[in-house]
Amino acid sequence: MTASQIIFYLISAFILSMGVLSVTSRKIFRSAIWLLFSLIGIAALYFWMDVQFIAAVQIVVYVGGIVVLIIFSIFLTQQSGKEMPKAPLLRTVAGALAVVFGFAFTYLLIDQYGFPTIDQPFDNDVARIGNAMLNTQQGGYALPFEVVSILLLAAMVGCIVIALKTKPEEK
């Protein structure tokens, strides 16, 4: 096993463990923090693949935008410190089975295809990527670029809606 494969497995284990902690934590703020670490791990995976621009976009859009808005909306709600209810046993079993099948499928794919090497380096010139993102012709990415801005807008609107909910009536 090469050092590159070991680094890949370490980053992948970090992402998966943070994702599992994010969905299994019963405190909503802790879930958001685990999600933050999971998205940072995905950026690390992009850095490992030597695509720094996509890693920077991952950090700016998801870590710096979406997760921060989620954390602000958690703080602005009245029930931010309460524990979420425990998941039913059927949901826990189904989640565990999904994880086992996911690991098995990933192992089969890696076992079958391995880590192929390429002869020519990946062209990750930032100027070329920027021109392609703003290009409206065929092969351009102007539409996905706008979809990301709509995603950020939807996250902001969702945070505002969550923050403006009325205080629940106390018994």
Protein backbone atom coordinates (compact mmCIF):
# COMPACT_ATOMS: atom_id res chain seq x y z
CA MET A 1 0.00 0.00 0.00
CA THR A 2 1.40 3.38 -1.00
CA ALA A 3 1.47 6.56 1.07
CA SER A 4 -1.10 8.13 -1.25
CA GLN A 5 -3.54 5.31 -0.59
CA ILE A 6 -2.99 5.59 3.16
CA ILE A 7 -3.73 9.33 3.02
CA PHE A 8 -6.88 8.64 0.98
CA TYR A 9 -8.10 6.08 3.51
CA LEU A 10 -7.37 8.41 6.43
CA ILE A 11 -9.26 11.30 4.83
CA SER A 12 -12.13 9.00 3.88
CA ALA A 13 -12.35 7.59 7.40
CA PHE A 14 -12.38 11.14 8.79
CA ILE A 15 -15.20 12.18 6.43
CA LEU A 16 -17.26 9.09 7.19
CA SER A 17 -16.79 9.29 10.94
CA MET A 18 -17.74 12.97 11.01
CA GLY A 19 -20.78 12.22 8.86
CA VAL A 20 -21.89 9.42 11.18
CA LEU A 21 -21.41 11.67 14.21
CA SER A 22 -23.40 14.39 12.44
CA VAL A 23 -26.44 12.22 11.88
CA THR A 24 -26.29 10.35 15.20
CA SER A 25 -25.75 13.26 17.59
CA ARG A 26 -28.86 14.18 19.55
CA LYS A 27 -27.80 17.81 20.03
CA ILE A 28 -28.49 19.89 16.94
CA PHE A 29 -25.56 22.27 17.45
CA ARG A 30 -23.13 19.36 17.74
CA SER A 31 -24.59 17.88 14.56
CA ALA A 32 -23.86 21.12 12.75
CA ILE A 33 -20.28 21.14 14.03
CA TRP A 34 -19.75 17.52 12.91
CA LEU A 35 -21.18 18.50 9.50
CA LEU A 36 -18.68 21.34 9.37
CA PHE A 37 -15.79 18.92 9.99
CA SER A 38 -17.16 16.50 7.41
CA LEU A 39 -17.24 19.23 4.75
CA ILE A 40 -13.70 20.27 5.68
CA GLY A 41 -12.69 16.64 5.16
CA ILE A 42 -14.23 16.73 1.69
CA ALA A 43 -12.16 19.84 0.96
CA ALA A 44 -9.09 17.91 2.16
CA LEU A 45 -9.99 15.16 -0.30
CA TYR A 46 -10.08 17.76 -3.08
CA PHE A 47 -6.68 19.04 -1.98
CA TRP A 48 -5.41 15.44 -2.02
CA MET A 49 -6.65 15.13 -5.62
CA ASP A 50 -4.71 18.34 -6.46
CA VAL A 51 -7.74 20.42 -7.43
CA GLN A 52 -7.17 23.41 -5.18
CA PHE A 53 -9.81 25.61 -6.82
CA ILE A 54 -12.62 23.14 -6.13
CA ALA A 55 -11.33 22.70 -2.57
CA ALA A 56 -11.41 26.46 -2.06
CA VAL A 57 -14.95 26.61 -3.46
CA GLN A 58 -15.93 23.77 -1.10
CA ILE A 59 -14.58 25.71 1.87
CA VAL A 60 -16.04 29.08 0.85
CA VAL A 61 -19.50 27.91 -0.25
CA TYR A 62 -20.29 25.02 2.06
CA VAL A 63 -18.09 25.52 5.12
CA GLY A 64 -18.12 29.30 5.04
CA GLY A 65 -21.64 29.79 3.74
CA ILE A 66 -24.07 26.98 4.35
CA VAL A 67 -22.77 25.65 7.68
CA VAL A 68 -22.35 29.12 9.15
CA LEU A 69 -25.93 29.94 8.17
CA ILE A 70 -27.12 26.68 9.74
CA ILE A 71 -25.26 27.48 12.96
CA PHE A 72 -26.69 31.01 13.06
CA SER A 73 -30.20 29.67 12.54
CA ILE A 74 -29.67 27.16 15.36
CA PHE A 75 -28.60 29.96 17.70
CA LEU A 76 -31.57 32.10 16.68
CA THR A 77 -34.15 29.45 17.50
CA GLN A 78 -35.61 29.20 20.95
CA GLN A 79 -34.95 25.45 21.34
CA SER A 80 -31.31 25.36 20.25
CA GLY A 81 -30.01 23.72 23.42
CA LYS A 82 -32.56 20.92 23.70
CA GLU A 83 -31.85 17.34 22.76
CA MET A 84 -33.56 15.84 19.75
CA PRO A 85 -35.74 12.79 20.36
CA LYS A 86 -34.15 9.36 20.14
CA ALA A 87 -34.51 7.69 16.73
CA PRO A 88 -36.80 4.64 16.51
CA LEU A 89 -35.11 1.24 16.46
CA LEU A 90 -36.23 0.51 12.88
CA ARG A 91 -34.59 3.71 11.63
CA THR A 92 -31.39 2.87 13.50
CA VAL A 93 -31.26 -0.64 12.03
CA ALA A 94 -31.99 0.67 8.52
CA GLY A 95 -29.23 3.27 8.90
CA ALA A 96 -26.74 0.65 10.09
CA LEU A 97 -27.62 -1.59 7.14
CA ALA A 98 -27.17 1.33 4.75
CA VAL A 99 -23.73 2.00 6.20
CA VAL A 100 -22.72 -1.67 5.92
CA PHE A 101 -23.91 -1.85 2.30
CA GLY A 102 -22.13 1.43 1.54
CA PHE A 103 -18.85 0.12 2.91
CA ALA A 104 -19.26 -3.18 1.07
CA PHE A 105 -20.05 -1.43 -2.22
CA THR A 106 -17.09 0.92 -1.82
CA TYR A 107 -14.77 -2.00 -1.04
CA LEU A 108 -15.99 -3.87 -4.13
CA LEU A 109 -15.42 -0.83 -6.34
CA ILE A 110 -11.92 -0.23 -4.99
CA ASP A 111 -11.12 -3.93 -5.24
CA GLN A 112 -12.29 -4.06 -8.85
CA TYR A 113 -10.85 -0.79 -10.16
CA GLY A 114 -8.16 0.13 -7.63
CA PHE A 115 -6.55 3.52 -7.96
CA PRO A 116 -5.83 4.03 -11.64
CA THR A 117 -2.95 6.28 -12.54
CA ILE A 118 -3.09 8.78 -15.36
CA ASP A 119 -0.32 9.64 -17.77
CA GLN A 120 -1.07 13.33 -18.20
CA PRO A 121 -1.60 15.71 -15.28
CA PHE A 122 -5.01 17.21 -14.59
CA ASP A 123 -5.41 20.70 -16.06
CA ASN A 124 -6.44 22.77 -13.05
CA ASP A 125 -5.57 26.23 -14.32
CA VAL A 126 -7.76 28.69 -12.39
CA ALA A 127 -8.12 31.07 -15.36
CA ARG A 128 -9.42 28.25 -17.56
CA ILE A 129 -11.83 27.12 -14.84
CA GLY A 130 -13.05 30.70 -14.32
CA ASN A 131 -13.65 31.20 -18.05
CA ALA A 132 -15.50 27.88 -18.26
CA MET A 133 -17.68 28.79 -15.26
CA LEU A 134 -18.73 32.08 -16.82
CA ASN A 135 -19.14 30.71 -20.34
CA THR A 136 -22.75 30.45 -21.54
CA GLN A 137 -21.86 28.41 -24.63
CA GLN A 138 -21.68 24.63 -24.80
CA GLY A 139 -19.16 23.32 -22.29
CA GLY A 140 -19.68 26.33 -20.03
CA TYR A 141 -20.78 26.19 -16.45
CA ALA A 142 -22.74 29.41 -16.03
CA LEU A 143 -25.92 27.55 -15.05
CA PRO A 144 -24.33 25.48 -12.24
CA PHE A 145 -22.58 28.65 -11.05
CA GLU A 146 -25.99 30.33 -10.75
CA VAL A 147 -27.47 27.24 -9.07
CA VAL A 148 -24.86 27.59 -6.31
CA SER A 149 -25.97 31.20 -5.75
CA ILE A 150 -29.60 30.05 -5.57
CA LEU A 151 -28.53 27.39 -3.04
CA LEU A 152 -26.97 30.06 -0.85
CA LEU A 153 -30.08 32.24 -1.20
CA ALA A 154 -32.32 29.31 -0.24
CA ALA A 155 -30.14 28.61 2.79
CA MET A 156 -30.40 32.25 3.88
CA VAL A 157 -34.19 32.28 3.44
CA GLY A 158 -34.46 28.99 5.37
CA CYS A 159 -32.39 30.43 8.21
CA ILE A 160 -34.60 33.52 8.33
CA VAL A 161 -37.76 31.38 8.41
CA ILE A 162 -36.35 29.23 11.21
CA ALA A 163 -35.27 32.30 13.17
CA LEU A 164 -38.64 34.04 12.84
CA LYS A 165 -40.73 31.15 14.16
CA THR A 166 -42.78 32.13 17.16
CA LYS A 167 -41.84 30.98 20.61
CA PRO A 168 -43.61 27.71 21.49
CA GLU A 169 -46.28 27.88 24.15
CA GLU A 170 -45.08 26.62 27.50
CA LYS A 171 -47.23 24.16 29.43
